[in-house]
């Protein structure tokens, strides 16, 4: 939902005008059964959300499905998101959204464990020693034909870590340019580490808008990128 203020959020919630987002990160092979069980139960009650359906929801404020909406989101760009999470969602007929740290994907496989350790990307012992921990760009492109794939900054940075103009270019603008070139699509959304919302900082908002993103996913909202009232905009 958009930044409506407390009263606006109350009204939207009471009218059912909201989309649930369920966050996942590392989906190791050992978790496949549990993940499938959880998502299968979710699928009984909720309907997944394609990009087109999210666009329609924001345009009209209405949801066309009989079941309420849910977006399963998988963060960071783990290789096991492709090997485990995507096939489970395919089997269940759920559209998943993958927020990928493009620097993790760009990192040479031999350096991905160190990259993960130094960029708040959690690893599990079962993954140590694998030849590659992140998705490949070929996998990003293939995944985008079935699900929504979009950037989660380059370096898994929070908004407080993105300070200079070079930082803005590297973490916000370039990831979309890089992903769009691979997928042949326009990556629709971005998210910061720690889930800062659109409206936190004018400079960051301007970079997000200039890059061409349509949505920001934060801890409490899915926000459509656009102009915010001055009272709701950061410095």
Protein backbone atom coordinates (compact mmCIF):
# COMPACT_ATOMS: atom_id res chain seq x y z
CA UNK A 1 0.00 0.00 0.00
CA UNK A 2 1.05 3.62 -0.41
CA UNK A 3 2.14 5.93 2.43
CA UNK A 4 -1.37 6.98 3.46
CA UNK A 5 -0.77 7.89 7.08
CA UNK A 6 -2.25 6.03 10.04
CA UNK A 7 -5.90 6.80 9.28
CA UNK A 8 -5.45 5.89 5.63
CA UNK A 9 -3.84 2.59 6.55
CA UNK A 10 -6.68 1.82 8.95
CA UNK A 11 -9.24 2.44 6.23
CA UNK A 12 -7.34 0.37 3.64
CA UNK A 13 -6.95 -2.54 6.06
CA UNK A 14 -10.60 -2.46 7.06
CA UNK A 15 -11.64 -2.54 3.41
CA UNK A 16 -9.24 -5.35 2.52
CA UNK A 17 -7.15 -3.14 0.22
CA UNK A 18 -3.77 -4.62 1.08
CA UNK A 19 -1.37 -7.28 -0.14
CA UNK A 20 0.40 -9.66 2.22
CA UNK A 21 4.13 -10.21 1.66
CA UNK A 22 5.85 -13.30 3.05
CA UNK A 23 9.66 -13.01 3.23
CA UNK A 24 12.17 -15.83 2.71
CA UNK A 25 15.93 -15.85 2.35
CA UNK A 26 18.14 -18.96 2.20
CA UNK A 27 16.15 -21.97 0.95
CA UNK A 28 18.54 -24.88 1.38
CA UNK A 29 17.72 -28.32 -0.02
CA UNK A 30 17.05 -29.62 3.48
CA UNK A 31 14.19 -27.13 3.80
CA UNK A 32 12.42 -28.15 0.57
CA UNK A 33 9.76 -30.30 2.26
CA UNK A 34 8.97 -27.71 4.92
CA UNK A 35 8.87 -24.91 2.35
CA UNK A 36 6.53 -26.88 0.11
CA UNK A 37 4.26 -27.74 3.04
CA UNK A 38 4.08 -24.11 4.19
CA UNK A 39 3.44 -22.73 0.72
CA UNK A 40 0.89 -25.43 -0.10
CA UNK A 41 -1.11 -24.46 2.99
CA UNK A 42 -0.79 -20.82 2.01
CA UNK A 43 -2.01 -21.63 -1.49
CA UNK A 44 -5.23 -23.08 -0.08
CA UNK A 45 -6.22 -19.67 1.27
CA UNK A 46 -4.30 -17.10 -0.77
CA UNK A 47 -3.63 -16.31 -4.43
CA UNK A 48 -0.22 -15.30 -5.73
CA UNK A 49 0.33 -11.91 -7.34
CA UNK A 50 1.83 -11.32 -10.77
CA UNK A 51 3.33 -7.95 -11.66
CA UNK A 52 0.34 -7.20 -13.85
CA UNK A 53 -2.02 -7.96 -10.98
CA UNK A 54 -0.06 -5.71 -8.61
CA UNK A 55 -0.22 -2.91 -11.18
CA UNK A 56 -3.96 -3.42 -11.45
CA UNK A 57 -4.39 -3.46 -7.69
CA UNK A 58 -2.63 -0.11 -7.35
CA UNK A 59 -4.55 1.35 -10.28
CA UNK A 60 -8.00 0.32 -9.05
CA UNK A 61 -7.71 -0.55 -5.35
CA UNK A 62 -9.55 -3.79 -6.05
CA UNK A 63 -8.49 -7.43 -6.24
CA UNK A 64 -10.05 -9.68 -8.85
CA UNK A 65 -9.41 -13.07 -7.19
CA UNK A 66 -11.80 -14.78 -4.77
CA UNK A 67 -8.89 -15.45 -2.41
CA UNK A 68 -6.82 -12.69 -0.77
CA UNK A 69 -3.43 -11.81 -2.23
CA UNK A 70 0.02 -12.91 -1.06
CA UNK A 71 3.50 -12.33 -2.49
CA UNK A 72 6.18 -14.87 -1.50
CA UNK A 73 9.48 -12.97 -1.70
CA UNK A 74 12.91 -14.60 -1.79
CA UNK A 75 15.82 -12.30 -1.01
CA UNK A 76 19.53 -12.07 -1.86
CA UNK A 77 19.84 -14.26 -4.97
CA UNK A 78 20.92 -17.57 -3.50
CA UNK A 79 21.57 -20.41 -5.93
CA UNK A 80 19.22 -22.51 -3.82
CA UNK A 81 16.40 -20.05 -4.52
CA UNK A 82 16.62 -21.28 -8.12
CA UNK A 83 17.12 -24.93 -7.21
CA UNK A 84 14.58 -25.21 -4.37
CA UNK A 85 12.24 -22.23 -4.02
CA UNK A 86 11.44 -21.67 -7.70
CA UNK A 87 10.54 -25.32 -8.47
CA UNK A 88 8.33 -25.50 -5.37
CA UNK A 89 6.50 -22.33 -6.42
CA UNK A 90 6.21 -23.65 -9.99
CA UNK A 91 4.69 -26.88 -8.72
CA UNK A 92 2.16 -25.00 -6.61
CA UNK A 93 1.31 -22.43 -9.25
CA UNK A 94 2.52 -19.51 -7.13
CA UNK A 95 4.18 -16.46 -8.63
CA UNK A 96 7.27 -15.71 -6.55
CA UNK A 97 9.22 -12.46 -6.42
CA UNK A 98 13.02 -12.76 -6.25
CA UNK A 99 14.96 -9.73 -4.98
CA UNK A 100 18.56 -10.32 -6.08
CA UNK A 101 21.77 -8.67 -4.87
CA UNK A 102 23.44 -8.15 -8.22
CA UNK A 103 26.92 -7.91 -6.69
CA UNK A 104 26.47 -11.39 -5.23
CA UNK A 105 25.65 -12.73 -8.70
CA UNK A 106 28.56 -10.82 -10.26
CA UNK A 107 31.03 -12.12 -7.69
CA UNK A 108 33.36 -14.91 -8.93
CA UNK A 109 32.18 -18.23 -7.45
CA UNK A 110 35.38 -18.73 -5.47
CA UNK A 111 34.77 -15.40 -3.70
CA UNK A 112 31.03 -15.73 -3.05
CA UNK A 113 31.37 -17.17 0.46
CA UNK A 114 33.53 -14.22 1.52
CA UNK A 115 31.16 -11.80 -0.21
CA UNK A 116 28.22 -13.31 1.68
CA UNK A 117 30.03 -13.19 5.02
CA UNK A 118 30.96 -9.54 4.55
CA UNK A 119 27.56 -8.38 3.25
CA UNK A 120 25.03 -9.77 5.76
CA UNK A 121 24.06 -12.71 3.53
CA UNK A 122 23.49 -15.70 5.76
CA UNK A 123 24.89 -19.10 4.81
CA UNK A 124 24.22 -22.58 6.17
CA UNK A 125 26.91 -25.20 6.90
CA UNK A 126 25.51 -27.52 4.22
CA UNK A 127 26.42 -24.94 1.59
CA UNK A 128 30.08 -24.63 2.48
CA UNK A 129 32.28 -26.15 -0.18
CA UNK A 130 29.77 -25.80 -3.00
CA UNK A 131 31.29 -24.48 -6.20
CA UNK A 132 28.78 -21.61 -6.34
CA UNK A 133 26.44 -20.03 -3.79
CA UNK A 134 24.70 -17.34 -5.85
CA UNK A 135 22.46 -17.53 -8.89
CA UNK A 136 24.17 -17.15 -12.25
CA UNK A 137 23.05 -14.45 -14.65
CA UNK A 138 21.74 -17.17 -16.96
CA UNK A 139 19.57 -18.40 -14.09
CA UNK A 140 18.37 -14.85 -13.41
CA UNK A 141 17.29 -14.54 -17.03
CA UNK A 142 15.54 -17.91 -17.10
CA UNK A 143 13.84 -17.29 -13.75
CA UNK A 144 12.43 -14.00 -15.03
CA UNK A 145 10.39 -15.86 -17.65
CA UNK A 146 8.31 -17.51 -14.91
CA UNK A 147 8.53 -15.23 -11.89
CA UNK A 148 9.29 -11.61 -11.00
CA UNK A 149 13.04 -10.99 -10.62
CA UNK A 150 14.27 -7.59 -9.49
CA UNK A 151 17.20 -5.98 -7.61
CA UNK A 152 17.92 -5.91 -3.87
CA UNK A 153 20.75 -3.36 -4.33
CA UNK A 154 24.13 -4.56 -5.55
CA UNK A 155 25.91 -5.13 -2.25
CA UNK A 156 23.01 -5.88 0.13
CA UNK A 157 23.26 -2.34 1.48
CA UNK A 158 20.94 -0.46 3.77
CA UNK A 159 19.92 3.07 2.96
CA UNK A 160 22.38 4.44 5.54
CA UNK A 161 25.24 2.75 3.67
CA UNK A 162 24.36 4.45 0.38
CA UNK A 163 25.81 7.92 0.88
CA UNK A 164 27.64 9.31 -2.15
CA UNK A 165 26.48 9.81 -5.71
CA UNK A 166 28.70 6.88 -6.68
CA UNK A 167 26.93 4.76 -4.05
CA UNK A 168 23.54 5.70 -5.48
CA UNK A 169 24.67 4.75 -8.96
CA UNK A 170 26.23 1.44 -7.85
CA UNK A 171 23.50 0.27 -5.47
CA UNK A 172 20.28 1.62 -6.99
CA UNK A 173 20.72 2.57 -10.64
CA UNK A 174 23.25 0.07 -12.03
CA UNK A 175 21.54 -3.07 -10.60
CA UNK A 176 18.40 -2.30 -12.59
CA UNK A 177 20.36 -1.52 -15.73
CA UNK A 178 22.30 -4.76 -15.35
CA UNK A 179 19.23 -6.88 -14.69
CA UNK A 180 17.18 -5.33 -17.47
CA UNK A 181 19.94 -6.15 -19.96
CA UNK A 182 19.90 -9.80 -18.89
CA UNK A 183 16.14 -10.33 -18.68
CA UNK A 184 14.97 -8.11 -21.53
CA UNK A 185 12.38 -6.73 -19.12
CA UNK A 186 12.08 -3.68 -16.86
CA UNK A 187 12.81 -4.69 -13.28
CA UNK A 188 9.80 -3.29 -11.41
CA UNK A 189 10.88 -3.01 -7.78
CA UNK A 190 13.74 -2.62 -5.36
CA UNK A 191 14.31 -3.16 -1.66
CA UNK A 192 16.98 -2.01 0.77
CA UNK A 193 18.63 -4.12 3.43
CA UNK A 194 16.67 -3.50 6.66
CA UNK A 195 13.58 -2.55 4.64
CA UNK A 196 13.65 1.25 4.57
CA UNK A 197 10.55 2.68 2.86
CA UNK A 198 10.24 5.09 -0.01
CA UNK A 199 10.00 8.56 1.54
CA UNK A 200 12.93 8.11 3.92
CA UNK A 201 15.36 10.27 1.92
CA UNK A 202 14.79 12.68 -0.94
CA UNK A 203 18.11 11.80 -2.60
CA UNK A 204 17.41 8.09 -2.48
CA UNK A 205 13.83 8.54 -3.66
CA UNK A 206 15.06 10.59 -6.62
CA UNK A 207 17.57 7.88 -7.54
CA UNK A 208 14.90 5.16 -7.29
CA UNK A 209 12.57 7.17 -9.49
CA UNK A 210 15.26 8.11 -12.01
CA UNK A 211 16.36 4.47 -12.31
CA UNK A 212 12.84 3.55 -13.43
CA UNK A 213 11.59 1.40 -10.55
CA UNK A 214 7.83 1.29 -10.03
CA UNK A 215 7.72 -0.11 -6.48
CA UNK A 216 9.72 -0.18 -3.26
CA UNK A 217 9.20 -3.13 -0.91
CA UNK A 218 9.85 -2.19 2.71
CA UNK A 219 9.26 -3.77 6.11
CA UNK A 220 5.66 -2.59 6.36
CA UNK A 221 4.59 -1.51 2.88
CA UNK A 222 4.67 -2.15 -0.81
CA UNK A 223 4.87 1.41 -2.13
CA UNK A 224 4.30 2.66 -5.62
CA UNK A 225 7.06 5.05 -6.63
CA UNK A 226 5.77 8.54 -7.22
CA UNK A 227 5.62 11.96 -5.67
CA UNK A 228 5.17 12.11 -1.92
CA UNK A 229 3.68 15.02 0.01
CA UNK A 230 6.44 17.20 1.45
CA UNK A 231 5.53 16.18 5.01
CA UNK A 232 6.22 12.55 4.16
CA UNK A 233 9.58 13.06 2.44
CA UNK A 234 12.97 12.76 4.08
CA UNK A 235 15.89 15.08 3.63
